[in-house]
Amino acid sequence: MNFAQIGLLKTYLSKESYLNTAVLAQNIKKLPIKITGSALLDEAISTTDGIKLSSLDENFQLKIMNNHYCIGEMLDLDAPTGGYLLQSCFSMGVYLARHLNSLP
């Protein structure tokens, strides 16, 4: 956790709530986040790099580490993606959820 995340939690929680790990965990899960604006799409472009597709199986699981999935990661990226990277993250999440829900 970085300093910005800690500061955000301390803004919304009492000292007692912050120091109680059970209460802290519950509050992290329901922390309100208010979006006040967004940048232009042209400013939100990723261009190159990412995780090699060859290092993942068909369900985005790392081949060298079971039960570790690369959902929402850039995969062999070499293009200006803009906001479409968000759609990729959402789609990968839905795909993996369907896969995991189909396991016995």
PDB file of N, CA and C in Angstrom:
ATOM      1  N   MET A   1       0.855  -1.162   0.000  1.00  0.00           N
ATOM      2  CA  MET A   1       0.000   0.000   0.000  1.00  0.00           C
ATOM      3  C   MET A   1       0.905   1.230   0.000  1.00  0.00           C
ATOM      4  N   ASN A   2       0.572   2.232  -0.808  1.00  0.00           N
ATOM      5  CA  ASN A   2       1.406   3.426  -0.857  1.00  0.00           C
ATOM      6  C   ASN A   2       0.847   4.535   0.028  1.00  0.00           C
ATOM      7  N   PHE A   3       1.582   5.631   0.125  1.00  0.00           N
ATOM      8  CA  PHE A   3       1.205   6.723   1.015  1.00  0.00           C
ATOM      9  C   PHE A   3      -0.128   7.355   0.631  1.00  0.00           C
ATOM     10  N   ALA A   4      -0.431   7.449  -0.655  1.00  0.00           N
ATOM     11  CA  ALA A   4      -1.709   8.030  -1.079  1.00  0.00           C
ATOM     12  C   ALA A   4      -2.879   7.170  -0.608  1.00  0.00           C
ATOM     13  N   GLN A   5      -2.725   5.858  -0.701  1.00  0.00           N
ATOM     14  CA  GLN A   5      -3.789   4.961  -0.249  1.00  0.00           C
ATOM     15  C   GLN A   5      -3.980   5.050   1.259  1.00  0.00           C
ATOM     16  N   ILE A   6      -2.897   5.124   1.996  1.00  0.00           N
ATOM     17  CA  ILE A   6      -2.970   5.240   3.454  1.00  0.00           C
ATOM     18  C   ILE A   6      -3.626   6.561   3.829  1.00  0.00           C
ATOM     19  N   GLY A   7      -3.232   7.624   3.159  1.00  0.00           N
ATOM     20  CA  GLY A   7      -3.825   8.930   3.425  1.00  0.00           C
ATOM     21  C   GLY A   7      -5.316   8.951   3.143  1.00  0.00           C
ATOM     22  N   LEU A   8      -5.734   8.303   2.061  1.00  0.00           N
ATOM     23  CA  LEU A   8      -7.149   8.231   1.721  1.00  0.00           C
ATOM     24  C   LEU A   8      -7.924   7.497   2.806  1.00  0.00           C
ATOM     25  N   LEU A   9      -7.394   6.393   3.282  1.00  0.00           N
ATOM     26  CA  LEU A   9      -8.063   5.642   4.345  1.00  0.00           C
ATOM     27  C   LEU A   9      -8.150   6.464   5.630  1.00  0.00           C
ATOM     28  N   LYS A  10      -7.073   7.140   5.974  1.00  0.00           N
ATOM     29  CA  LYS A  10      -7.069   7.941   7.196  1.00  0.00           C
ATOM     30  C   LYS A  10      -8.038   9.121   7.099  1.00  0.00           C
ATOM     31  N   THR A  11      -8.309   9.587   5.882  1.00  0.00           N
ATOM     32  CA  THR A  11      -9.266  10.678   5.693  1.00  0.00           C
ATOM     33  C   THR A  11     -10.679  10.230   6.037  1.00  0.00           C
ATOM     34  N   TYR A  12     -11.019   8.998   5.684  1.00  0.00           N
ATOM     35  CA  TYR A  12     -12.385   8.501   5.863  1.00  0.00           C
ATOM     36  C   TYR A  12     -12.612   7.718   7.152  1.00  0.00           C
ATOM     37  N   LEU A  13     -11.560   7.256   7.798  1.00  0.00           N
ATOM     38  CA  LEU A  13     -11.719   6.390   8.965  1.00  0.00           C
ATOM     39  C   LEU A  13     -11.233   7.060  10.243  1.00  0.00           C
ATOM     40  N   SER A  14     -11.846   6.686  11.338  1.00  0.00           N
ATOM     41  CA  SER A  14     -11.341   7.128  12.637  1.00  0.00           C
ATOM     42  C   SER A  14     -10.043   6.377  12.940  1.00  0.00           C
ATOM     43  N   LYS A  15      -9.291   6.874  13.908  1.00  0.00           N
ATOM     44  CA  LYS A  15      -8.044   6.211  14.296  1.00  0.00           C
ATOM     45  C   LYS A  15      -8.327   4.793  14.778  1.00  0.00           C
ATOM     46  N   GLU A  16      -9.408   4.630  15.540  1.00  0.00           N
ATOM     47  CA  GLU A  16      -9.767   3.312  16.062  1.00  0.00           C
ATOM     48  C   GLU A  16     -10.091   2.340  14.926  1.00  0.00           C
ATOM     49  N   SER A  17     -10.844   2.813  13.938  1.00  0.00           N
ATOM     50  CA  SER A  17     -11.195   1.954  12.797  1.00  0.00           C
ATOM     51  C   SER A  17      -9.965   1.584  11.986  1.00  0.00           C
ATOM     52  N   TYR A  18      -9.053   2.538  11.822  1.00  0.00           N
ATOM     53  CA  TYR A  18      -7.848   2.303  11.041  1.00  0.00           C
ATOM     54  C   TYR A  18      -6.941   1.276  11.721  1.00  0.00           C
ATOM     55  N   LEU A  19      -6.873   1.307  13.029  1.00  0.00           N
ATOM     56  CA  LEU A  19      -5.981   0.412  13.761  1.00  0.00           C
ATOM     57  C   LEU A  19      -6.563  -0.975  14.015  1.00  0.00           C
ATOM     58  N   ASN A  20      -7.865  -1.139  13.824  1.00  0.00           N
ATOM     59  CA  ASN A  20      -8.522  -2.434  14.009  1.00  0.00           C
ATOM     60  C   ASN A  20      -8.536  -3.146  12.649  1.00  0.00           C
ATOM     61  N   THR A  21      -7.726  -4.199  12.484  1.00  0.00           N
ATOM     62  CA  THR A  21      -7.568  -4.819  11.160  1.00  0.00           C
ATOM     63  C   THR A  21      -8.866  -5.379  10.595  1.00  0.00           C
ATOM     64  N   ALA A  22      -9.737  -5.928  11.424  1.00  0.00           N
ATOM     65  CA  ALA A  22     -11.010  -6.466  10.922  1.00  0.00           C
ATOM     66  C   ALA A  22     -11.893  -5.339  10.406  1.00  0.00           C
ATOM     67  N   VAL A  23     -11.965  -4.262  11.153  1.00  0.00           N
ATOM     68  CA  VAL A  23     -12.779  -3.105  10.738  1.00  0.00           C
ATOM     69  C   VAL A  23     -12.145  -2.437   9.522  1.00  0.00           C
ATOM     70  N   LEU A  24     -10.816  -2.341   9.521  1.00  0.00           N
ATOM     71  CA  LEU A  24     -10.109  -1.747   8.389  1.00  0.00           C
ATOM     72  C   LEU A  24     -10.409  -2.503   7.101  1.00  0.00           C
ATOM     73  N   ALA A  25     -10.348  -3.837   7.136  1.00  0.00           N
ATOM     74  CA  ALA A  25     -10.623  -4.653   5.943  1.00  0.00           C
ATOM     75  C   ALA A  25     -12.034  -4.419   5.429  1.00  0.00           C
ATOM     76  N   GLN A  26     -13.006  -4.351   6.330  1.00  0.00           N
ATOM     77  CA  GLN A  26     -14.394  -4.097   5.914  1.00  0.00           C
ATOM     78  C   GLN A  26     -14.519  -2.724   5.263  1.00  0.00           C
ATOM     79  N   ASN A  27     -13.845  -1.731   5.835  1.00  0.00           N
ATOM     80  CA  ASN A  27     -13.938  -0.379   5.297  1.00  0.00           C
ATOM     81  C   ASN A  27     -13.206  -0.218   3.973  1.00  0.00           C
ATOM     82  N   ILE A  28     -12.105  -0.939   3.785  1.00  0.00           N
ATOM     83  CA  ILE A  28     -11.407  -0.879   2.495  1.00  0.00           C
ATOM     84  C   ILE A  28     -12.334  -1.363   1.386  1.00  0.00           C
ATOM     85  N   LYS A  29     -13.094  -2.416   1.654  1.00  0.00           N
ATOM     86  CA  LYS A  29     -13.986  -2.983   0.649  1.00  0.00           C
ATOM     87  C   LYS A  29     -15.136  -2.058   0.293  1.00  0.00           C
ATOM     88  N   LYS A  30     -15.507  -1.153   1.180  1.00  0.00           N
ATOM     89  CA  LYS A  30     -16.651  -0.275   0.890  1.00  0.00           C
ATOM     90  C   LYS A  30     -16.257   1.201   0.878  1.00  0.00           C
ATOM     91  N   LEU A  31     -14.968   1.479   0.670  1.00  0.00           N
ATOM     92  CA  LEU A  31     -14.485   2.852   0.660  1.00  0.00           C
ATOM     93  C   LEU A  31     -15.091   3.618  -0.517  1.00  0.00           C
ATOM     94  N   PRO A  32     -15.733   4.740  -0.234  1.00  0.00           N
ATOM     95  CA  PRO A  32     -16.319   5.513  -1.345  1.00  0.00           C
ATOM     96  C   PRO A  32     -15.229   6.258  -2.119  1.00  0.00           C
ATOM     97  N   ILE A  33     -15.301   6.180  -3.416  1.00  0.00           N
ATOM     98  CA  ILE A  33     -14.365   6.916  -4.259  1.00  0.00           C
ATOM     99  C   ILE A  33     -15.187   7.798  -5.186  1.00  0.00           C
ATOM    100  N   LYS A  34     -14.976   9.083  -5.074  1.00  0.00           N
ATOM    101  CA  LYS A  34     -15.724  10.050  -5.874  1.00  0.00           C
ATOM    102  C   LYS A  34     -14.859  10.496  -7.048  1.00  0.00           C
ATOM    103  N   ILE A  35     -15.339  10.258  -8.255  1.00  0.00           N
ATOM    104  CA  ILE A  35     -14.623  10.680  -9.462  1.00  0.00           C
ATOM    105  C   ILE A  35     -15.055  12.097  -9.775  1.00  0.00           C
ATOM    106  N   THR A  36     -14.095  13.004  -9.844  1.00  0.00           N
ATOM    107  CA  THR A  36     -14.418  14.412 -10.059  1.00  0.00           C
ATOM    108  C   THR A  36     -14.084  14.908 -11.461  1.00  0.00           C
ATOM    109  N   GLY A  37     -13.461  14.061 -12.264  1.00  0.00           N
ATOM    110  CA  GLY A  37     -13.137  14.484 -13.619  1.00  0.00           C
ATOM    111  C   GLY A  37     -12.317  13.420 -14.321  1.00  0.00           C
ATOM    112  N   SER A  38     -11.989  13.660 -15.553  1.00  0.00           N
ATOM    113  CA  SER A  38     -11.170  12.718 -16.308  1.00  0.00           C
ATOM    114  C   SER A  38     -10.295  13.485 -17.296  1.00  0.00           C
ATOM    115  N   ALA A  39      -9.238  12.836 -17.719  1.00  0.00           N
ATOM    116  CA  ALA A  39      -8.337  13.423 -18.702  1.00  0.00           C
ATOM    117  C   ALA A  39      -8.864  13.139 -20.106  1.00  0.00           C
ATOM    118  N   LEU A  40      -8.313  13.822 -21.059  1.00  0.00           N
ATOM    119  CA  LEU A  40      -8.684  13.582 -22.450  1.00  0.00           C
ATOM    120  C   LEU A  40      -8.202  12.202 -22.874  1.00  0.00           C
ATOM    121  N   LEU A  41      -8.919  11.561 -23.771  1.00  0.00           N
ATOM    122  CA  LEU A  41      -8.546  10.239 -24.243  1.00  0.00           C
ATOM    123  C   LEU A  41      -7.140  10.231 -24.832  1.00  0.00           C
ATOM    124  N   ASP A  42      -6.774  11.303 -25.516  1.00  0.00           N
ATOM    125  CA  ASP A  42      -5.433  11.375 -26.116  1.00  0.00           C
ATOM    126  C   ASP A  42      -4.320  11.347 -25.074  1.00  0.00           C
ATOM    127  N   GLU A  43      -4.631  11.690 -23.841  1.00  0.00           N
ATOM    128  CA  GLU A  43      -3.633  11.691 -22.779  1.00  0.00           C
ATOM    129  C   GLU A  43      -3.557  10.341 -22.070  1.00  0.00           C
ATOM    130  N   ALA A  44      -4.453   9.419 -22.391  1.00  0.00           N
ATOM    131  CA  ALA A  44      -4.519   8.122 -21.698  1.00  0.00           C
ATOM    132  C   ALA A  44      -4.098   6.994 -22.612  1.00  0.00           C
ATOM    133  N   ILE A  45      -2.966   7.169 -23.267  1.00  0.00           N
ATOM    134  CA  ILE A  45      -2.549   6.170 -24.255  1.00  0.00           C
ATOM    135  C   ILE A  45      -1.339   5.380 -23.753  1.00  0.00           C
ATOM    136  N   SER A  46      -1.464   4.067 -23.799  1.00  0.00           N
ATOM    137  CA  SER A  46      -0.344   3.168 -23.558  1.00  0.00           C
ATOM    138  C   SER A  46       0.195   2.785 -24.926  1.00  0.00           C
ATOM    139  N   THR A  47       1.488   2.535 -25.014  1.00  0.00           N
ATOM    140  CA  THR A  47       2.035   2.290 -26.345  1.00  0.00           C
ATOM    141  C   THR A  47       2.702   0.935 -26.533  1.00  0.00           C
ATOM    142  N   THR A  48       3.676   0.584 -25.712  1.00  0.00           N
ATOM    143  CA  THR A  48       4.376  -0.680 -25.944  1.00  0.00           C
ATOM    144  C   THR A  48       4.681  -1.405 -24.640  1.00  0.00           C
ATOM    145  N   ASP A  49       4.981  -2.677 -24.773  1.00  0.00           N
ATOM    146  CA  ASP A  49       5.446  -3.537 -23.684  1.00  0.00           C
ATOM    147  C   ASP A  49       4.335  -4.465 -23.217  1.00  0.00           C
ATOM    148  N   GLY A  50       4.385  -4.887 -21.991  1.00  0.00           N
ATOM    149  CA  GLY A  50       3.393  -5.804 -21.460  1.00  0.00           C
ATOM    150  C   GLY A  50       3.940  -7.192 -21.227  1.00  0.00           C
ATOM    151  N   ILE A  51       3.068  -8.057 -20.784  1.00  0.00           N
ATOM    152  CA  ILE A  51       3.412  -9.451 -20.502  1.00  0.00           C
ATOM    153  C   ILE A  51       3.316 -10.249 -21.792  1.00  0.00           C
ATOM    154  N   LYS A  52       4.281 -11.099 -22.033  1.00  0.00           N
ATOM    155  CA  LYS A  52       4.279 -11.922 -23.248  1.00  0.00           C
ATOM    156  C   LYS A  52       3.126 -12.918 -23.207  1.00  0.00           C
ATOM    157  N   LEU A  53       2.367 -12.978 -24.267  1.00  0.00           N
ATOM    158  CA  LEU A  53       1.261 -13.940 -24.353  1.00  0.00           C
ATOM    159  C   LEU A  53       1.749 -15.367 -24.183  1.00  0.00           C
ATOM    160  N   SER A  54       2.953 -15.635 -24.629  1.00  0.00           N
ATOM    161  CA  SER A  54       3.504 -16.989 -24.528  1.00  0.00           C
ATOM    162  C   SER A  54       3.741 -17.416 -23.078  1.00  0.00           C
ATOM    163  N   SER A  55       3.733 -16.477 -22.129  1.00  0.00           N
ATOM    164  CA  SER A  55       3.943 -16.831 -20.725  1.00  0.00           C
ATOM    165  C   SER A  55       2.627 -17.136 -19.996  1.00  0.00           C
ATOM    166  N   LEU A  56       1.505 -17.093 -20.740  1.00  0.00           N
ATOM    167  CA  LEU A  56       0.183 -17.333 -20.153  1.00  0.00           C
ATOM    168  C   LEU A  56      -0.495 -18.526 -20.801  1.00  0.00           C
ATOM    169  N   ASP A  57      -1.393 -19.171 -20.050  1.00  0.00           N
ATOM    170  CA  ASP A  57      -2.208 -20.218 -20.669  1.00  0.00           C
ATOM    171  C   ASP A  57      -3.462 -19.578 -21.278  1.00  0.00           C
ATOM    172  N   GLU A  58      -4.370 -20.403 -21.763  1.00  0.00           N
ATOM    173  CA  GLU A  58      -5.566 -19.897 -22.457  1.00  0.00           C
ATOM    174  C   GLU A  58      -6.531 -19.142 -21.532  1.00  0.00           C
ATOM    175  N   ASN A  59      -6.318 -19.227 -20.217  1.00  0.00           N
ATOM    176  CA  ASN A  59      -7.169 -18.522 -19.257  1.00  0.00           C
ATOM    177  C   ASN A  59      -6.433 -17.381 -18.562  1.00  0.00           C
ATOM    178  N   PHE A  60      -5.345 -16.919 -19.178  1.00  0.00           N
ATOM    179  CA  PHE A  60      -4.545 -15.805 -18.681  1.00  0.00           C
ATOM    180  C   PHE A  60      -3.802 -16.124 -17.380  1.00  0.00           C
ATOM    181  N   GLN A  61      -3.628 -17.411 -17.074  1.00  0.00           N
ATOM    182  CA  GLN A  61      -2.885 -17.830 -15.893  1.00  0.00           C
ATOM    183  C   GLN A  61      -1.402 -17.909 -16.262  1.00  0.00           C
ATOM    184  N   LEU A  62      -0.535 -17.432 -15.377  1.00  0.00           N
ATOM    185  CA  LEU A  62       0.894 -17.557 -15.617  1.00  0.00           C
ATOM    186  C   LEU A  62       1.279 -19.028 -15.662  1.00  0.00           C
ATOM    187  N   LYS A  63       1.988 -19.424 -16.691  1.00  0.00           N
ATOM    188  CA  LYS A  63       2.391 -20.825 -16.827  1.00  0.00           C
ATOM    189  C   LYS A  63       3.343 -21.255 -15.720  1.00  0.00           C
ATOM    190  N   ILE A  64       4.118 -20.335 -15.188  1.00  0.00           N
ATOM    191  CA  ILE A  64       5.099 -20.695 -14.162  1.00  0.00           C
ATOM    192  C   ILE A  64       4.555 -20.539 -12.745  1.00  0.00           C
ATOM    193  N   MET A  65       3.293 -20.128 -12.590  1.00  0.00           N
ATOM    194  CA  MET A  65       2.751 -19.894 -11.256  1.00  0.00           C
ATOM    195  C   MET A  65       1.239 -20.155 -11.257  1.00  0.00           C
ATOM    196  N   ASN A  66       0.829 -21.283 -10.739  1.00  0.00           N
ATOM    197  CA  ASN A  66      -0.590 -21.621 -10.700  1.00  0.00           C
ATOM    198  C   ASN A  66      -1.386 -20.612  -9.878  1.00  0.00           C
ATOM    199  N   ASN A  67      -2.623 -20.391 -10.299  1.00  0.00           N
ATOM    200  CA  ASN A  67      -3.562 -19.503  -9.613  1.00  0.00           C
ATOM    201  C   ASN A  67      -3.120 -18.046  -9.556  1.00  0.00           C
ATOM    202  N   HIS A  68      -2.274 -17.632 -10.479  1.00  0.00           N
ATOM    203  CA  HIS A  68      -1.881 -16.235 -10.626  1.00  0.00           C
ATOM    204  C   HIS A  68      -2.247 -15.823 -12.055  1.00  0.00           C
ATOM    205  N   TYR A  69      -3.201 -14.912 -12.159  1.00  0.00           N
ATOM    206  CA  TYR A  69      -3.748 -14.526 -13.450  1.00  0.00           C
ATOM    207  C   TYR A  69      -3.338 -13.102 -13.795  1.00  0.00           C
ATOM    208  N   CYS A  70      -3.194 -12.852 -15.061  1.00  0.00           N
ATOM    209  CA  CYS A  70      -2.797 -11.529 -15.542  1.00  0.00           C
ATOM    210  C   CYS A  70      -3.997 -10.838 -16.172  1.00  0.00           C
ATOM    211  N   ILE A  71      -4.977 -10.571 -15.355  1.00  0.00           N
ATOM    212  CA  ILE A  71      -6.188  -9.900 -15.819  1.00  0.00           C
ATOM    213  C   ILE A  71      -5.984  -8.396 -15.695  1.00  0.00           C
ATOM    214  N   GLY A  72      -6.279  -7.685 -16.747  1.00  0.00           N
ATOM    215  CA  GLY A  72      -6.114  -6.240 -16.743  1.00  0.00           C
ATOM    216  C   GLY A  72      -4.709  -5.788 -17.079  1.00  0.00           C
ATOM    217  N   GLU A  73      -3.851  -6.724 -17.412  1.00  0.00           N
ATOM    218  CA  GLU A  73      -2.484  -6.377 -17.784  1.00  0.00           C
ATOM    219  C   GLU A  73      -2.385  -6.156 -19.289  1.00  0.00           C
ATOM    220  N   MET A  74      -1.401  -5.372 -19.686  1.00  0.00           N
ATOM    221  CA  MET A  74      -1.137  -5.223 -21.112  1.00  0.00           C
ATOM    222  C   MET A  74      -0.426  -6.488 -21.576  1.00  0.00           C
ATOM    223  N   LEU A  75      -0.886  -7.043 -22.659  1.00  0.00           N
ATOM    224  CA  LEU A  75      -0.321  -8.281 -23.187  1.00  0.00           C
ATOM    225  C   LEU A  75       0.261  -8.030 -24.574  1.00  0.00           C
ATOM    226  N   ASP A  76       1.581  -8.142 -24.694  1.00  0.00           N
ATOM    227  CA  ASP A  76       2.278  -7.930 -25.973  1.00  0.00           C
ATOM    228  C   ASP A  76       1.767  -6.681 -26.688  1.00  0.00           C
ATOM    229  N   LEU A  77       1.692  -5.593 -25.993  1.00  0.00           N
ATOM    230  CA  LEU A  77       1.113  -4.366 -26.524  1.00  0.00           C
ATOM    231  C   LEU A  77       2.101  -3.623 -27.409  1.00  0.00           C
ATOM    232  N   ASP A  78       1.638  -3.200 -28.561  1.00  0.00           N
ATOM    233  CA  ASP A  78       2.413  -2.336 -29.441  1.00  0.00           C
ATOM    234  C   ASP A  78       1.441  -1.524 -30.287  1.00  0.00           C
ATOM    235  N   ALA A  79       0.656  -0.689 -29.617  1.00  0.00           N
ATOM    236  CA  ALA A  79      -0.332   0.134 -30.309  1.00  0.00           C
ATOM    237  C   ALA A  79      -0.866   1.184 -29.350  1.00  0.00           C
ATOM    238  N   PRO A  80      -1.304   2.331 -29.863  1.00  0.00           N
ATOM    239  CA  PRO A  80      -1.959   3.300 -28.987  1.00  0.00           C
ATOM    240  C   PRO A  80      -3.356   2.788 -28.622  1.00  0.00           C
ATOM    241  N   THR A  81      -3.599   2.522 -27.356  1.00  0.00           N
ATOM    242  CA  THR A  81      -4.851   1.882 -26.971  1.00  0.00           C
ATOM    243  C   THR A  81      -5.906   2.845 -26.459  1.00  0.00           C
ATOM    244  N   GLY A  82      -5.489   3.959 -25.862  1.00  0.00           N
ATOM    245  CA  GLY A  82      -6.469   4.880 -25.305  1.00  0.00           C
ATOM    246  C   GLY A  82      -7.376   4.186 -24.322  1.00  0.00           C
ATOM    247  N   GLY A  83      -8.653   4.501 -24.345  1.00  0.00           N
ATOM    248  CA  GLY A  83      -9.622   3.925 -23.422  1.00  0.00           C
ATOM    249  C   GLY A  83      -9.943   2.475 -23.699  1.00  0.00           C
ATOM    250  N   TYR A  84      -9.513   1.952 -24.825  1.00  0.00           N
ATOM    251  CA  TYR A  84      -9.839   0.565 -25.145  1.00  0.00           C
ATOM    252  C   TYR A  84      -9.134  -0.420 -24.224  1.00  0.00           C
ATOM    253  N   LEU A  85      -8.073   0.001 -23.554  1.00  0.00           N
ATOM    254  CA  LEU A  85      -7.416  -0.868 -22.600  1.00  0.00           C
ATOM    255  C   LEU A  85      -8.365  -1.189 -21.448  1.00  0.00           C
ATOM    256  N   LEU A  86      -9.212  -0.230 -21.074  1.00  0.00           N
ATOM    257  CA  LEU A  86     -10.207  -0.497 -20.039  1.00  0.00           C
ATOM    258  C   LEU A  86     -11.165  -1.592 -20.486  1.00  0.00           C
ATOM    259  N   GLN A  87     -11.626  -1.520 -21.715  1.00  0.00           N
ATOM    260  CA  GLN A  87     -12.531  -2.549 -22.221  1.00  0.00           C
ATOM    261  C   GLN A  87     -11.852  -3.904 -22.229  1.00  0.00           C
ATOM    262  N   SER A  88     -10.581  -3.928 -22.557  1.00  0.00           N
ATOM    263  CA  SER A  88      -9.819  -5.178 -22.524  1.00  0.00           C
ATOM    264  C   SER A  88      -9.783  -5.738 -21.103  1.00  0.00           C
ATOM    265  N   CYS A  89      -9.543  -4.877 -20.125  1.00  0.00           N
ATOM    266  CA  CYS A  89      -9.510  -5.319 -18.718  1.00  0.00           C
ATOM    267  C   CYS A  89     -10.856  -5.909 -18.307  1.00  0.00           C
ATOM    268  N   PHE A  90     -11.929  -5.210 -18.646  1.00  0.00           N
ATOM    269  CA  PHE A  90     -13.267  -5.688 -18.278  1.00  0.00           C
ATOM    270  C   PHE A  90     -13.564  -7.027 -18.947  1.00  0.00           C
ATOM    271  N   SER A  91     -13.244  -7.140 -20.225  1.00  0.00           N
ATOM    272  CA  SER A  91     -13.525  -8.367 -20.967  1.00  0.00           C
ATOM    273  C   SER A  91     -12.719  -9.540 -20.426  1.00  0.00           C
ATOM    274  N   MET A  92     -11.457  -9.300 -20.093  1.00  0.00           N
ATOM    275  CA  MET A  92     -10.628 -10.365 -19.529  1.00  0.00           C
ATOM    276  C   MET A  92     -11.181 -10.811 -18.176  1.00  0.00           C
ATOM    277  N   GLY A  93     -11.649  -9.873 -17.383  1.00  0.00           N
ATOM    278  CA  GLY A  93     -12.226 -10.202 -16.087  1.00  0.00           C
ATOM    279  C   GLY A  93     -13.462 -11.061 -16.215  1.00  0.00           C
ATOM    280  N   VAL A  94     -14.330 -10.723 -17.164  1.00  0.00           N
ATOM    281  CA  VAL A  94     -15.540 -11.518 -17.403  1.00  0.00           C
ATOM    282  C   VAL A  94     -15.157 -12.912 -17.879  1.00  0.00           C
ATOM    283  N   TYR A  95     -14.203 -12.992 -18.788  1.00  0.00           N
ATOM    284  CA  TYR A  95     -13.757 -14.286 -19.313  1.00  0.00           C
ATOM    285  C   TYR A  95     -13.237 -15.179 -18.196  1.00  0.00           C
ATOM    286  N   LEU A  96     -12.366 -14.613 -17.337  1.00  0.00           N
ATOM    287  CA  LEU A  96     -11.804 -15.414 -16.253  1.00  0.00           C
ATOM    288  C   LEU A  96     -12.888 -15.803 -15.241  1.00  0.00           C
ATOM    289  N   ALA A  97     -13.796 -14.906 -14.931  1.00  0.00           N
ATOM    290  CA  ALA A  97     -14.875 -15.231 -13.991  1.00  0.00           C
ATOM    291  C   ALA A  97     -15.695 -16.407 -14.511  1.00  0.00           C
ATOM    292  N   ARG A  98     -16.003 -16.396 -15.792  1.00  0.00           N
ATOM    293  CA  ARG A  98     -16.764 -17.516 -16.376  1.00  0.00           C
ATOM    294  C   ARG A  98     -15.969 -18.818 -16.277  1.00  0.00           C
ATOM    295  N   HIS A  99     -14.656 -18.729 -16.558  1.00  0.00           N
ATOM    296  CA  HIS A  99     -13.805 -19.907 -16.454  1.00  0.00           C
ATOM    297  C   HIS A  99     -13.777 -20.458 -15.016  1.00  0.00           C
ATOM    298  N   LEU A 100     -13.516 -19.567 -14.062  1.00  0.00           N
ATOM    299  CA  LEU A 100     -13.418 -20.001 -12.670  1.00  0.00           C
ATOM    300  C   LEU A 100     -14.751 -20.537 -12.139  1.00  0.00           C
ATOM    301  N   ASN A 101     -15.840 -19.961 -12.575  1.00  0.00           N
ATOM    302  CA  ASN A 101     -17.157 -20.436 -12.133  1.00  0.00           C
ATOM    303  C   ASN A 101     -17.520 -21.789 -12.758  1.00  0.00           C
ATOM    304  N   SER A 102     -16.847 -22.165 -13.836  1.00  0.00           N
ATOM    305  CA  SER A 102     -17.133 -23.443 -14.484  1.00  0.00           C
ATOM    306  C   SER A 102     -16.314 -24.606 -13.902  1.00  0.00           C
ATOM    307  N   LEU A 103     -15.346 -24.271 -13.032  1.00  0.00           N
ATOM    308  CA  LEU A 103     -14.519 -25.327 -12.429  1.00  0.00           C
ATOM    309  C   LEU A 103     -15.318 -26.102 -11.395  1.00  0.00           C
ATOM    310  N   PRO A 104     -15.018 -27.402 -11.265  1.00  0.00           N
ATOM    311  CA  PRO A 104     -15.751 -28.210 -10.265  1.00  0.00           C
ATOM    312  C   PRO A 104     -15.427 -27.812  -8.839  1.00  0.00           C
TER     313      PRO A 104
END
